[in-house]
PDB file of N, CA and C in Angstrom:
ATOM      1  N   MET A   1      74.164 -68.652 -89.862  1.00  0.00           N
ATOM      2  CA  MET A   1      71.980 -69.480 -89.396  1.00  0.00           C
ATOM      3  C   MET A   1      72.757 -70.143 -88.052  1.00  0.00           C
ATOM      4  N   ARG A   2      73.243 -70.503 -87.591  1.00  0.00           N
ATOM      5  CA  ARG A   2      73.766 -70.770 -86.462  1.00  0.00           C
ATOM      6  C   ARG A   2      73.171 -69.901 -85.277  1.00  0.00           C
ATOM      7  N   VAL A   3      73.409 -68.413 -85.668  1.00  0.00           N
ATOM      8  CA  VAL A   3      73.372 -67.597 -84.841  1.00  0.00           C
ATOM      9  C   VAL A   3      71.492 -67.811 -84.780  1.00  0.00           C
ATOM     10  N   LEU A   4      71.221 -67.809 -85.999  1.00  0.00           N
ATOM     11  CA  LEU A   4      69.139 -67.298 -85.959  1.00  0.00           C
ATOM     12  C   LEU A   4      69.086 -69.006 -84.738  1.00  0.00           C
ATOM     13  N   ARG A   5      69.889 -70.098 -85.392  1.00  0.00           N
ATOM     14  CA  ARG A   5      69.098 -71.353 -84.277  1.00  0.00           C
ATOM     15  C   ARG A   5      69.601 -70.486 -82.736  1.00  0.00           C
ATOM     16  N   LEU A   6      70.295 -70.110 -82.309  1.00  0.00           N
ATOM     17  CA  LEU A   6      70.584 -69.770 -80.907  1.00  0.00           C
ATOM     18  C   LEU A   6      69.718 -68.678 -80.387  1.00  0.00           C
ATOM     19  N   MET A   7      69.541 -68.353 -81.551  1.00  0.00           N
ATOM     20  CA  MET A   7      68.666 -66.991 -81.104  1.00  0.00           C
ATOM     21  C   MET A   7      66.933 -66.841 -81.062  1.00  0.00           C
ATOM     22  N   ALA A   8      66.879 -68.183 -81.792  1.00  0.00           N
ATOM     23  CA  ALA A   8      65.416 -68.794 -81.956  1.00  0.00           C
ATOM     24  C   ALA A   8      64.695 -68.634 -80.141  1.00  0.00           C
ATOM     25  N   LEU A   9      65.232 -69.182 -79.759  1.00  0.00           N
ATOM     26  CA  LEU A   9      64.450 -69.572 -78.120  1.00  0.00           C
ATOM     27  C   LEU A   9      63.745 -67.779 -77.401  1.00  0.00           C
ATOM     28  N   PRO A  10      64.818 -66.988 -77.353  1.00  0.00           N
ATOM     29  CA  PRO A  10      65.327 -65.630 -76.682  1.00  0.00           C
ATOM     30  C   PRO A  10      63.813 -64.761 -77.631  1.00  0.00           C
ATOM     31  N   LEU A  11      64.306 -64.754 -79.122  1.00  0.00           N
ATOM     32  CA  LEU A  11      63.024 -64.468 -79.674  1.00  0.00           C
ATOM     33  C   LEU A  11      61.668 -65.000 -79.178  1.00  0.00           C
ATOM     34  N   PHE A  12      61.476 -66.173 -79.710  1.00  0.00           N
ATOM     35  CA  PHE A  12      60.023 -66.773 -79.121  1.00  0.00           C
ATOM     36  C   PHE A  12      59.598 -66.075 -78.102  1.00  0.00           C
ATOM     37  N   ALA A  13      60.102 -66.077 -77.080  1.00  0.00           N
ATOM     38  CA  ALA A  13      60.498 -65.626 -75.275  1.00  0.00           C
ATOM     39  C   ALA A  13      59.983 -64.386 -75.229  1.00  0.00           C
ATOM     40  N   LEU A  14      60.679 -63.851 -75.958  1.00  0.00           N
ATOM     41  CA  LEU A  14      60.579 -62.537 -76.573  1.00  0.00           C
ATOM     42  C   LEU A  14      58.931 -62.319 -76.732  1.00  0.00           C
ATOM     43  N   SER A  15      58.804 -62.958 -78.216  1.00  0.00           N
ATOM     44  CA  SER A  15      57.263 -62.556 -78.741  1.00  0.00           C
ATOM     45  C   SER A  15      56.517 -62.851 -77.789  1.00  0.00           C
ATOM     46  N   LEU A  16      56.529 -64.307 -76.937  1.00  0.00           N
ATOM     47  CA  LEU A  16      55.128 -64.811 -76.651  1.00  0.00           C
ATOM     48  C   LEU A  16      55.125 -63.642 -75.601  1.00  0.00           C
ATOM     49  N   SER A  17      55.937 -63.148 -74.905  1.00  0.00           N
ATOM     50  CA  SER A  17      55.694 -62.549 -73.670  1.00  0.00           C
ATOM     51  C   SER A  17      55.335 -61.012 -73.577  1.00  0.00           C
ATOM     52  N   VAL A  18      55.654 -60.499 -75.380  1.00  0.00           N
ATOM     53  CA  VAL A  18      54.971 -59.414 -75.685  1.00  0.00           C
ATOM     54  C   VAL A  18      53.339 -59.903 -75.733  1.00  0.00           C
ATOM     55  N   SER A  19      52.538 -60.749 -76.745  1.00  0.00           N
ATOM     56  CA  SER A  19      51.906 -61.324 -77.074  1.00  0.00           C
ATOM     57  C   SER A  19      51.008 -61.577 -75.475  1.00  0.00           C
ATOM     58  N   ILE A  20      51.632 -61.915 -75.156  1.00  0.00           N
ATOM     59  CA  ILE A  20      50.715 -61.945 -73.233  1.00  0.00           C
ATOM     60  C   ILE A  20      50.511 -60.879 -72.513  1.00  0.00           C
ATOM     61  N   THR A  21      50.614 -60.049 -72.884  1.00  0.00           N
ATOM     62  CA  THR A  21      50.519 -58.806 -72.358  1.00  0.00           C
ATOM     63  C   THR A  21      48.948 -58.155 -72.630  1.00  0.00           C
ATOM     64  N   GLY A  22      48.439 -58.785 -73.875  1.00  0.00           N
ATOM     65  CA  GLY A  22      47.365 -58.414 -74.391  1.00  0.00           C
ATOM     66  C   GLY A  22      46.198 -59.839 -73.740  1.00  0.00           C
ATOM     67  N   CYS A  23      46.524 -60.607 -73.113  1.00  0.00           N
ATOM     68  CA  CYS A  23      45.722 -61.522 -72.662  1.00  0.00           C
ATOM     69  C   CYS A  23      44.516 -61.601 -72.015  1.00  0.00           C
ATOM     70  N   ASP A  24      44.021 -60.505 -71.357  1.00  0.00           N
ATOM     71  CA  ASP A  24      42.847 -60.396 -71.073  1.00  0.00           C
ATOM     72  C   ASP A  24      41.708 -60.647 -72.151  1.00  0.00           C
ATOM     73  N   GLN A  25      40.609 -61.490 -72.136  1.00  0.00           N
ATOM     74  CA  GLN A  25      40.185 -61.945 -73.043  1.00  0.00           C
ATOM     75  C   GLN A  25      38.390 -61.859 -72.704  1.00  0.00           C
ATOM     76  N   LYS A  26      37.952 -61.200 -72.068  1.00  0.00           N
ATOM     77  CA  LYS A  26      36.992 -61.222 -70.883  1.00  0.00           C
ATOM     78  C   LYS A  26      36.130 -60.644 -72.081  1.00  0.00           C
ATOM     79  N   ASN A  27      35.111 -59.998 -71.829  1.00  0.00           N
ATOM     80  CA  ASN A  27      33.826 -59.268 -72.246  1.00  0.00           C
ATOM     81  C   ASN A  27      34.197 -57.986 -73.512  1.00  0.00           C
ATOM     82  N   ASP A  28      35.469 -57.597 -72.429  1.00  0.00           N
ATOM     83  CA  ASP A  28      36.362 -56.273 -72.751  1.00  0.00           C
ATOM     84  C   ASP A  28      37.216 -56.492 -73.587  1.00  0.00           C
ATOM     85  N   THR A  29      37.032 -55.814 -75.232  1.00  0.00           N
ATOM     86  CA  THR A  29      38.346 -56.734 -76.267  1.00  0.00           C
ATOM     87  C   THR A  29      38.677 -54.954 -76.627  1.00  0.00           C
ATOM     88  N   LEU A  30      40.320 -55.271 -76.175  1.00  0.00           N
ATOM     89  CA  LEU A  30      40.566 -53.332 -76.748  1.00  0.00           C
ATOM     90  C   LEU A  30      40.751 -53.594 -78.252  1.00  0.00           C
ATOM     91  N   GLN A  31      40.389 -52.424 -78.954  1.00  0.00           N
ATOM     92  CA  GLN A  31      40.814 -52.298 -80.542  1.00  0.00           C
ATOM     93  C   GLN A  31      41.540 -51.111 -80.494  1.00  0.00           C
ATOM     94  N   GLY A  32      42.350 -50.971 -79.237  1.00  0.00           N
ATOM     95  CA  GLY A  32      43.699 -49.645 -80.286  1.00  0.00           C
ATOM     96  C   GLY A  32      43.038 -48.255 -79.905  1.00  0.00           C
ATOM     97  N   ASN A  33      41.660 -47.865 -79.533  1.00  0.00           N
ATOM     98  CA  ASN A  33      41.203 -46.824 -80.068  1.00  0.00           C
ATOM     99  C   ASN A  33      41.121 -46.147 -78.158  1.00  0.00           C
ATOM    100  N   GLN A  34      41.237 -44.999 -78.293  1.00  0.00           N
ATOM    101  CA  GLN A  34      41.936 -44.171 -77.163  1.00  0.00           C
ATOM    102  C   GLN A  34      40.651 -44.613 -75.787  1.00  0.00           C
ATOM    103  N   ASN A  35      39.111 -44.337 -76.316  1.00  0.00           N
ATOM    104  CA  ASN A  35      38.901 -44.555 -75.393  1.00  0.00           C
ATOM    105  C   ASN A  35      38.560 -45.996 -74.742  1.00  0.00           C
ATOM    106  N   ASN A  36      38.646 -46.687 -75.346  1.00  0.00           N
ATOM    107  CA  ASN A  36      38.652 -48.090 -74.634  1.00  0.00           C
ATOM    108  C   ASN A  36      39.857 -48.330 -73.866  1.00  0.00           C
ATOM    109  N   MET A  37      41.032 -47.691 -74.365  1.00  0.00           N
ATOM    110  CA  MET A  37      42.180 -47.830 -73.566  1.00  0.00           C
ATOM    111  C   MET A  37      42.046 -46.932 -72.294  1.00  0.00           C
ATOM    112  N   THR A  38      41.496 -45.713 -72.397  1.00  0.00           N
ATOM    113  CA  THR A  38      41.155 -44.835 -70.980  1.00  0.00           C
ATOM    114  C   THR A  38      40.227 -46.258 -70.543  1.00  0.00           C
ATOM    115  N   ALA A  39      39.018 -46.851 -70.980  1.00  0.00           N
ATOM    116  CA  ALA A  39      38.123 -47.511 -69.538  1.00  0.00           C
ATOM    117  C   ALA A  39      39.232 -48.644 -69.466  1.00  0.00           C
ATOM    118  N   PHE A  40      40.085 -49.094 -69.819  1.00  0.00           N
ATOM    119  CA  PHE A  40      40.687 -50.149 -69.525  1.00  0.00           C
ATOM    120  C   PHE A  40      41.765 -49.619 -68.226  1.00  0.00           C
ATOM    121  N   ILE A  41      42.383 -48.605 -68.574  1.00  0.00           N
ATOM    122  CA  ILE A  41      43.023 -48.105 -67.370  1.00  0.00           C
ATOM    123  C   ILE A  41      42.424 -47.841 -66.380  1.00  0.00           C
ATOM    124  N   LYS A  42      41.111 -46.978 -65.724  1.00  0.00           N
ATOM    125  CA  LYS A  42      40.151 -46.844 -65.181  1.00  0.00           C
ATOM    126  C   LYS A  42      39.916 -48.046 -64.791  1.00  0.00           C
ATOM    127  N   LYS A  43      39.465 -49.339 -65.302  1.00  0.00           N
ATOM    128  CA  LYS A  43      39.344 -50.737 -64.892  1.00  0.00           C
ATOM    129  C   LYS A  43      40.064 -51.360 -64.127  1.00  0.00           C
ATOM    130  N   ILE A  44      41.466 -51.327 -64.364  1.00  0.00           N
ATOM    131  CA  ILE A  44      42.477 -51.316 -63.675  1.00  0.00           C
ATOM    132  C   ILE A  44      42.311 -50.025 -62.040  1.00  0.00           C
ATOM    133  N   ALA A  45      42.537 -49.961 -62.593  1.00  0.00           N
ATOM    134  CA  ALA A  45      42.821 -48.540 -61.271  1.00  0.00           C
ATOM    135  C   ALA A  45      41.524 -48.670 -60.549  1.00  0.00           C
ATOM    136  N   ALA A  46      40.077 -49.072 -60.956  1.00  0.00           N
ATOM    137  CA  ALA A  46      39.247 -49.203 -59.734  1.00  0.00           C
ATOM    138  C   ALA A  46      39.553 -50.850 -59.176  1.00  0.00           C
ATOM    139  N   ASN A  47      40.359 -51.356 -59.561  1.00  0.00           N
ATOM    140  CA  ASN A  47      40.009 -53.100 -59.249  1.00  0.00           C
ATOM    141  C   ASN A  47      40.869 -52.900 -57.628  1.00  0.00           C
ATOM    142  N   LYS A  48      40.504 -53.293 -56.856  1.00  0.00           N
ATOM    143  CA  LYS A  48      40.444 -53.472 -55.608  1.00  0.00           C
ATOM    144  C   LYS A  48      41.696 -54.391 -54.959  1.00  0.00           C
ATOM    145  N   GLU A  49      41.733 -55.078 -55.816  1.00  0.00           N
ATOM    146  CA  GLU A  49      43.140 -56.252 -55.755  1.00  0.00           C
ATOM    147  C   GLU A  49      44.775 -55.518 -55.794  1.00  0.00           C
ATOM    148  N   SER A  50      45.561 -56.452 -54.950  1.00  0.00           N
ATOM    149  CA  SER A  50      46.539 -55.302 -55.529  1.00  0.00           C
ATOM    150  C   SER A  50      47.627 -56.116 -56.605  1.00  0.00           C
ATOM    151  N   GLU A  51      48.319 -55.307 -56.783  1.00  0.00           N
ATOM    152  CA  GLU A  51      49.682 -55.221 -57.693  1.00  0.00           C
ATOM    153  C   GLU A  51      50.222 -56.633 -57.613  1.00  0.00           C
ATOM    154  N   GLU A  52      50.603 -57.852 -57.932  1.00  0.00           N
ATOM    155  CA  GLU A  52      51.376 -59.022 -57.624  1.00  0.00           C
ATOM    156  C   GLU A  52      52.087 -59.149 -58.625  1.00  0.00           C
ATOM    157  N   THR A  53      53.537 -59.868 -58.339  1.00  0.00           N
ATOM    158  CA  THR A  53      54.052 -60.594 -58.778  1.00  0.00           C
ATOM    159  C   THR A  53      54.588 -61.407 -59.413  1.00  0.00           C
ATOM    160  N   GLN A  54      54.651 -62.485 -60.282  1.00  0.00           N
ATOM    161  CA  GLN A  54      55.185 -63.772 -60.434  1.00  0.00           C
ATOM    162  C   GLN A  54      56.065 -63.984 -61.556  1.00  0.00           C
ATOM    163  N   ARG A  55      57.372 -64.480 -60.919  1.00  0.00           N
ATOM    164  CA  ARG A  55      58.611 -64.569 -61.621  1.00  0.00           C
ATOM    165  C   ARG A  55      58.868 -65.944 -61.827  1.00  0.00           C
ATOM    166  N   TYR A  56      59.186 -66.155 -63.299  1.00  0.00           N
ATOM    167  CA  TYR A  56      59.427 -67.742 -63.595  1.00  0.00           C
ATOM    168  C   TYR A  56      60.959 -67.745 -64.315  1.00  0.00           C
ATOM    169  N   VAL A  57      62.072 -68.602 -64.046  1.00  0.00           N
ATOM    170  CA  VAL A  57      63.567 -68.361 -64.129  1.00  0.00           C
ATOM    171  C   VAL A  57      63.380 -70.023 -65.054  1.00  0.00           C
ATOM    172  N   GLY A  58      64.745 -69.703 -65.689  1.00  0.00           N
ATOM    173  CA  GLY A  58      65.170 -71.183 -66.649  1.00  0.00           C
ATOM    174  C   GLY A  58      66.413 -70.627 -67.250  1.00  0.00           C
ATOM    175  N   ASN A  59      66.797 -72.348 -67.163  1.00  0.00           N
ATOM    176  CA  ASN A  59      68.342 -72.288 -68.363  1.00  0.00           C
ATOM    177  C   ASN A  59      68.044 -73.519 -69.550  1.00  0.00           C
ATOM    178  N   LEU A  60      68.344 -72.797 -70.602  1.00  0.00           N
ATOM    179  CA  LEU A  60      68.253 -73.505 -71.601  1.00  0.00           C
ATOM    180  C   LEU A  60      69.358 -73.353 -72.587  1.00  0.00           C
ATOM    181  N   ASN A  61      70.373 -74.384 -72.521  1.00  0.00           N
ATOM    182  CA  ASN A  61      71.751 -74.183 -73.947  1.00  0.00           C
ATOM    183  C   ASN A  61      72.400 -73.113 -73.419  1.00  0.00           C
ATOM    184  N   GLY A  62      72.273 -72.831 -71.655  1.00  0.00           N
ATOM    185  CA  GLY A  62      73.265 -71.758 -71.662  1.00  0.00           C
ATOM    186  C   GLY A  62      72.641 -70.502 -71.654  1.00  0.00           C
ATOM    187  N   ILE A  63      71.618 -69.893 -71.969  1.00  0.00           N
ATOM    188  CA  ILE A  63      70.768 -68.876 -71.963  1.00  0.00           C
ATOM    189  C   ILE A  63      70.408 -68.814 -70.770  1.00  0.00           C
ATOM    190  N   GLU A  64      70.085 -67.990 -69.897  1.00  0.00           N
ATOM    191  CA  GLU A  64      69.883 -67.749 -68.725  1.00  0.00           C
ATOM    192  C   GLU A  64      68.278 -66.404 -68.649  1.00  0.00           C
ATOM    193  N   ILE A  65      67.334 -67.038 -68.370  1.00  0.00           N
ATOM    194  CA  ILE A  65      65.846 -66.752 -68.849  1.00  0.00           C
ATOM    195  C   ILE A  65      65.034 -66.467 -67.901  1.00  0.00           C
ATOM    196  N   LYS A  66      64.790 -64.955 -67.538  1.00  0.00           N
ATOM    197  CA  LYS A  66      64.004 -64.959 -66.084  1.00  0.00           C
ATOM    198  C   LYS A  66      62.491 -63.812 -66.732  1.00  0.00           C
ATOM    199  N   LEU A  67      61.774 -64.209 -66.581  1.00  0.00           N
ATOM    200  CA  LEU A  67      60.258 -63.687 -67.110  1.00  0.00           C
ATOM    201  C   LEU A  67      59.722 -63.028 -66.197  1.00  0.00           C
ATOM    202  N   THR A  68      58.997 -61.732 -65.596  1.00  0.00           N
ATOM    203  CA  THR A  68      58.564 -61.590 -64.172  1.00  0.00           C
ATOM    204  C   THR A  68      57.150 -60.976 -64.625  1.00  0.00           C
ATOM    205  N   TYR A  69      56.233 -61.023 -64.784  1.00  0.00           N
ATOM    206  CA  TYR A  69      55.232 -60.611 -64.334  1.00  0.00           C
ATOM    207  C   TYR A  69      54.133 -59.743 -63.787  1.00  0.00           C
ATOM    208  N   TYR A  70      53.786 -58.614 -64.195  1.00  0.00           N
ATOM    209  CA  TYR A  70      53.170 -57.655 -62.387  1.00  0.00           C
ATOM    210  C   TYR A  70      51.699 -57.840 -63.249  1.00  0.00           C
ATOM    211  N   TYR A  71      51.056 -58.019 -62.261  1.00  0.00           N
ATOM    212  CA  TYR A  71      49.507 -58.038 -62.841  1.00  0.00           C
ATOM    213  C   TYR A  71      48.569 -58.074 -61.683  1.00  0.00           C
ATOM    214  N   LYS A  72      47.438 -57.739 -61.577  1.00  0.00           N
ATOM    215  CA  LYS A  72      46.129 -57.422 -60.623  1.00  0.00           C
ATOM    216  C   LYS A  72      44.869 -58.828 -61.006  1.00  0.00           C
ATOM    217  N   GLY A  73      44.738 -59.245 -60.797  1.00  0.00           N
ATOM    218  CA  GLY A  73      43.653 -60.684 -61.230  1.00  0.00           C
ATOM    219  C   GLY A  73      44.180 -61.166 -62.057  1.00  0.00           C
ATOM    220  N   ASP A  74      43.248 -60.972 -63.080  1.00  0.00           N
ATOM    221  CA  ASP A  74      44.067 -61.909 -64.416  1.00  0.00           C
ATOM    222  C   ASP A  74      44.142 -61.107 -65.541  1.00  0.00           C
ATOM    223  N   ILE A  75      44.222 -59.512 -65.127  1.00  0.00           N
ATOM    224  CA  ILE A  75      45.156 -58.546 -66.070  1.00  0.00           C
ATOM    225  C   ILE A  75      46.485 -58.499 -66.133  1.00  0.00           C
ATOM    226  N   VAL A  76      47.325 -58.743 -67.143  1.00  0.00           N
ATOM    227  CA  VAL A  76      48.728 -58.504 -66.733  1.00  0.00           C
ATOM    228  C   VAL A  76      48.748 -57.321 -67.362  1.00  0.00           C
ATOM    229  N   LEU A  77      49.710 -56.191 -65.872  1.00  0.00           N
ATOM    230  CA  LEU A  77      50.355 -55.115 -66.114  1.00  0.00           C
ATOM    231  C   LEU A  77      51.202 -54.802 -66.796  1.00  0.00           C
ATOM    232  N   ARG A  78      52.383 -55.134 -66.656  1.00  0.00           N
ATOM    233  CA  ARG A  78      53.570 -55.132 -67.218  1.00  0.00           C
ATOM    234  C   ARG A  78      54.247 -56.793 -67.438  1.00  0.00           C
ATOM    235  N   GLN A  79      55.488 -56.769 -68.153  1.00  0.00           N
ATOM    236  CA  GLN A  79      56.045 -58.027 -68.111  1.00  0.00           C
ATOM    237  C   GLN A  79      57.416 -57.603 -68.624  1.00  0.00           C
ATOM    238  N   ILE A  80      58.393 -58.026 -67.705  1.00  0.00           N
ATOM    239  CA  ILE A  80      59.858 -57.852 -68.123  1.00  0.00           C
ATOM    240  C   ILE A  80      60.700 -59.105 -68.227  1.00  0.00           C
ATOM    241  N   SER A  81      61.392 -59.302 -69.481  1.00  0.00           N
ATOM    242  CA  SER A  81      61.723 -60.517 -70.229  1.00  0.00           C
ATOM    243  C   SER A  81      63.488 -60.353 -69.889  1.00  0.00           C
ATOM    244  N   GLU A  82      63.884 -60.833 -69.267  1.00  0.00           N
ATOM    245  CA  GLU A  82      65.611 -60.972 -68.788  1.00  0.00           C
ATOM    246  C   GLU A  82      66.193 -62.299 -69.732  1.00  0.00           C
ATOM    247  N   HIS A  83      67.058 -61.692 -70.496  1.00  0.00           N
ATOM    248  CA  HIS A  83      68.187 -62.863 -71.199  1.00  0.00           C
ATOM    249  C   HIS A  83      69.936 -62.645 -70.951  1.00  0.00           C
ATOM    250  N   LYS A  84      69.856 -63.693 -70.246  1.00  0.00           N
ATOM    251  CA  LYS A  84      72.089 -63.694 -69.998  1.00  0.00           C
ATOM    252  C   LYS A  84      72.322 -64.520 -71.362  1.00  0.00           C
ATOM    253  N   ILE A  85      72.987 -63.977 -71.606  1.00  0.00           N
ATOM    254  CA  ILE A  85      73.915 -65.192 -72.953  1.00  0.00           C
ATOM    255  C   ILE A  85      74.976 -64.884 -72.839  1.00  0.00           C
ATOM    256  N   LEU A  86      75.879 -65.422 -72.589  1.00  0.00           N
ATOM    257  CA  LEU A  86      77.529 -65.510 -73.202  1.00  0.00           C
ATOM    258  C   LEU A  86      77.723 -65.472 -74.007  1.00  0.00           C
ATOM    259  N   TYR A  87      78.709 -64.738 -74.163  1.00  0.00           N
ATOM    260  CA  TYR A  87      79.667 -64.492 -75.622  1.00  0.00           C
ATOM    261  C   TYR A  87      79.644 -65.736 -76.526  1.00  0.00           C
ATOM    262  N   LYS A  88      80.529 -66.783 -75.399  1.00  0.00           N
ATOM    263  CA  LYS A  88      80.923 -68.180 -76.032  1.00  0.00           C
ATOM    264  C   LYS A  88      79.708 -68.811 -76.576  1.00  0.00           C
ATOM    265  N   THR A  89      78.002 -68.320 -75.684  1.00  0.00           N
ATOM    266  CA  THR A  89      76.889 -69.186 -76.711  1.00  0.00           C
ATOM    267  C   THR A  89      76.557 -68.494 -77.870  1.00  0.00           C
ATOM    268  N   LEU A  90      76.749 -67.179 -77.663  1.00  0.00           N
ATOM    269  CA  LEU A  90      76.945 -66.956 -79.446  1.00  0.00           C
ATOM    270  C   LEU A  90      77.968 -67.544 -80.483  1.00  0.00           C
ATOM    271  N   LYS A  91      78.936 -67.574 -80.113  1.00  0.00           N
ATOM    272  CA  LYS A  91      80.105 -67.819 -80.354  1.00  0.00           C
ATOM    273  C   LYS A  91      80.656 -66.418 -80.969  1.00  0.00           C
ATOM    274  N   ALA A  92      80.573 -65.871 -79.898  1.00  0.00           N
ATOM    275  CA  ALA A  92      81.264 -64.433 -80.377  1.00  0.00           C
ATOM    276  C   ALA A  92      82.550 -64.387 -79.494  1.00  0.00           C
ATOM    277  N   ASN A  93      83.377 -63.625 -80.149  1.00  0.00           N
ATOM    278  CA  ASN A  93      85.011 -63.684 -79.354  1.00  0.00           C
ATOM    279  C   ASN A  93      84.895 -62.076 -78.239  1.00  0.00           C
ATOM    280  N   ASN A  94      84.596 -61.372 -78.262  1.00  0.00           N
ATOM    281  CA  ASN A  94      84.286 -59.752 -77.223  1.00  0.00           C
ATOM    282  C   ASN A  94      83.122 -59.226 -77.586  1.00  0.00           C
ATOM    283  N   LYS A  95      82.762 -58.066 -77.053  1.00  0.00           N
ATOM    284  CA  LYS A  95      81.361 -57.561 -77.205  1.00  0.00           C
ATOM    285  C   LYS A  95      81.202 -57.417 -78.477  1.00  0.00           C
ATOM    286  N   GLU A  96      82.211 -56.345 -79.244  1.00  0.00           N
ATOM    287  CA  GLU A  96      82.000 -56.504 -80.679  1.00  0.00           C
ATOM    288  C   GLU A  96      81.419 -56.890 -81.326  1.00  0.00           C
ATOM    289  N   GLU A  97      82.181 -57.842 -81.449  1.00  0.00           N
ATOM    290  CA  GLU A  97      81.316 -59.239 -82.118  1.00  0.00           C
ATOM    291  C   GLU A  97      79.632 -59.863 -81.843  1.00  0.00           C
ATOM    292  N   ALA A  98      79.611 -59.830 -80.788  1.00  0.00           N
ATOM    293  CA  ALA A  98      78.253 -59.496 -79.677  1.00  0.00           C
ATOM    294  C   ALA A  98      76.978 -59.153 -80.629  1.00  0.00           C
ATOM    295  N   GLN A  99      77.533 -57.777 -79.928  1.00  0.00           N
ATOM    296  CA  GLN A  99      77.078 -56.417 -81.034  1.00  0.00           C
ATOM    297  C   GLN A  99      76.262 -56.248 -82.662  1.00  0.00           C
ATOM    298  N   LYS A 100      77.520 -56.503 -83.149  1.00  0.00           N
ATOM    299  CA  LYS A 100      77.074 -57.403 -84.749  1.00  0.00           C
ATOM    300  C   LYS A 100      76.199 -58.065 -85.132  1.00  0.00           C
ATOM    301  N   MET A 101      76.521 -59.550 -84.227  1.00  0.00           N
ATOM    302  CA  MET A 101      74.849 -60.256 -84.185  1.00  0.00           C
ATOM    303  C   MET A 101      73.858 -59.944 -83.300  1.00  0.00           C
ATOM    304  N   LEU A 102      73.723 -59.003 -82.617  1.00  0.00           N
ATOM    305  CA  LEU A 102      72.472 -58.844 -81.837  1.00  0.00           C
ATOM    306  C   LEU A 102      71.722 -57.570 -82.318  1.00  0.00           C
ATOM    307  N   SER A 103      72.449 -56.935 -83.219  1.00  0.00           N
ATOM    308  CA  SER A 103      72.362 -55.539 -83.593  1.00  0.00           C
ATOM    309  C   SER A 103      70.727 -55.326 -84.331  1.00  0.00           C
ATOM    310  N   GLN A 104      70.436 -56.635 -84.962  1.00  0.00           N
ATOM    311  CA  GLN A 104      69.339 -56.754 -85.925  1.00  0.00           C
ATOM    312  C   GLN A 104      68.083 -57.186 -84.924  1.00  0.00           C
ATOM    313  N   VAL A 105      68.490 -57.830 -84.325  1.00  0.00           N
ATOM    314  CA  VAL A 105      67.261 -58.153 -83.069  1.00  0.00           C
ATOM    315  C   VAL A 105      66.899 -57.138 -82.362  1.00  0.00           C
ATOM    316  N   GLY A 106      68.124 -56.650 -81.949  1.00  0.00           N
ATOM    317  CA  GLY A 106      67.591 -54.836 -80.999  1.00  0.00           C
ATOM    318  C   GLY A 106      66.904 -54.024 -81.995  1.00  0.00           C
ATOM    319  N   GLU A 107      66.837 -54.078 -83.541  1.00  0.00           N
ATOM    320  CA  GLU A 107      66.638 -52.967 -83.926  1.00  0.00           C
ATOM    321  C   GLU A 107      65.038 -53.348 -85.055  1.00  0.00           C
ATOM    322  N   ALA A 108      64.493 -54.654 -84.424  1.00  0.00           N
ATOM    323  CA  ALA A 108      63.311 -55.414 -85.064  1.00  0.00           C
ATOM    324  C   ALA A 108      62.352 -54.323 -83.857  1.00  0.00           C
ATOM    325  N   TYR A 109      62.739 -54.194 -82.495  1.00  0.00           N
ATOM    326  CA  TYR A 109      61.686 -54.069 -81.568  1.00  0.00           C
ATOM    327  C   TYR A 109      62.025 -52.567 -81.248  1.00  0.00           C
ATOM    328  N   GLN A 110      62.588 -51.878 -82.200  1.00  0.00           N
ATOM    329  CA  GLN A 110      62.594 -50.593 -81.843  1.00  0.00           C
ATOM    330  C   GLN A 110      61.583 -49.460 -82.309  1.00  0.00           C
ATOM    331  N   GLY A 111      60.688 -48.919 -81.426  1.00  0.00           N
ATOM    332  CA  GLY A 111      59.596 -47.933 -82.163  1.00  0.00           C
ATOM    333  C   GLY A 111      58.230 -48.756 -81.836  1.00  0.00           C
ATOM    334  N   MET A 112      58.366 -49.903 -80.968  1.00  0.00           N
ATOM    335  CA  MET A 112      57.016 -50.807 -81.060  1.00  0.00           C
ATOM    336  C   MET A 112      56.285 -50.011 -79.550  1.00  0.00           C
ATOM    337  N   PRO A 113      55.108 -49.686 -79.858  1.00  0.00           N
ATOM    338  CA  PRO A 113      54.282 -48.913 -78.503  1.00  0.00           C
ATOM    339  C   PRO A 113      54.355 -49.846 -77.657  1.00  0.00           C
ATOM    340  N   GLY A 114      54.310 -49.023 -76.369  1.00  0.00           N
ATOM    341  CA  GLY A 114      54.623 -49.683 -75.261  1.00  0.00           C
ATOM    342  C   GLY A 114      55.500 -50.736 -75.053  1.00  0.00           C
ATOM    343  N   LEU A 115      56.939 -50.627 -75.914  1.00  0.00           N
ATOM    344  CA  LEU A 115      57.554 -51.935 -75.413  1.00  0.00           C
ATOM    345  C   LEU A 115      58.832 -50.939 -75.345  1.00  0.00           C
ATOM    346  N   THR A 116      59.507 -51.234 -74.929  1.00  0.00           N
ATOM    347  CA  THR A 116      61.308 -51.036 -74.226  1.00  0.00           C
ATOM    348  C   THR A 116      61.697 -52.276 -74.344  1.00  0.00           C
ATOM    349  N   GLU A 117      63.211 -52.064 -75.148  1.00  0.00           N
ATOM    350  CA  GLU A 117      63.743 -53.251 -75.157  1.00  0.00           C
ATOM    351  C   GLU A 117      65.511 -52.544 -75.137  1.00  0.00           C
ATOM    352  N   ARG A 118      66.616 -53.180 -74.823  1.00  0.00           N
ATOM    353  CA  ARG A 118      67.697 -52.906 -74.256  1.00  0.00           C
ATOM    354  C   ARG A 118      68.717 -54.138 -74.282  1.00  0.00           C
ATOM    355  N   ILE A 119      69.984 -53.638 -74.673  1.00  0.00           N
ATOM    356  CA  ILE A 119      70.748 -54.871 -74.962  1.00  0.00           C
ATOM    357  C   ILE A 119      72.175 -54.047 -74.125  1.00  0.00           C
ATOM    358  N   ASP A 120      72.265 -54.859 -72.863  1.00  0.00           N
ATOM    359  CA  ASP A 120      73.514 -54.342 -72.110  1.00  0.00           C
ATOM    360  C   ASP A 120      74.494 -55.566 -72.212  1.00  0.00           C
ATOM    361  N   TYR A 121      75.836 -55.306 -72.709  1.00  0.00           N
ATOM    362  CA  TYR A 121      77.249 -55.984 -72.619  1.00  0.00           C
ATOM    363  C   TYR A 121      78.037 -55.623 -71.451  1.00  0.00           C
ATOM    364  N   TYR A 122      78.168 -56.924 -71.179  1.00  0.00           N
ATOM    365  CA  TYR A 122      79.674 -56.900 -70.092  1.00  0.00           C
ATOM    366  C   TYR A 122      80.685 -57.546 -70.226  1.00  0.00           C
TER     367      TYR A 122
END
């Protein structure tokens, strides 16, 4: 239960960041079909604005969180979410214990289209 409580914020931040990538709600809603996706990509490519970056950094209960957004105008092109969590924050004694705790978290994100998830252990 304690591990779930500790992982709640990073999981919330990750799910929020994944949901934000689809936040352009002007007059063109994407319904997932290929024609709409092609039109959306052409719209972004035709946009004269240059790609910009915004980074947010925070620390919550020993978890270092970095969110980086790449965007043109009000369209988010991609987002990177990085979380640095010490083993002691997870109440893990070593890499193997941390891997056991976080393996289910990582598995939940595997196979999601457009999402790459990776956990590095040091």
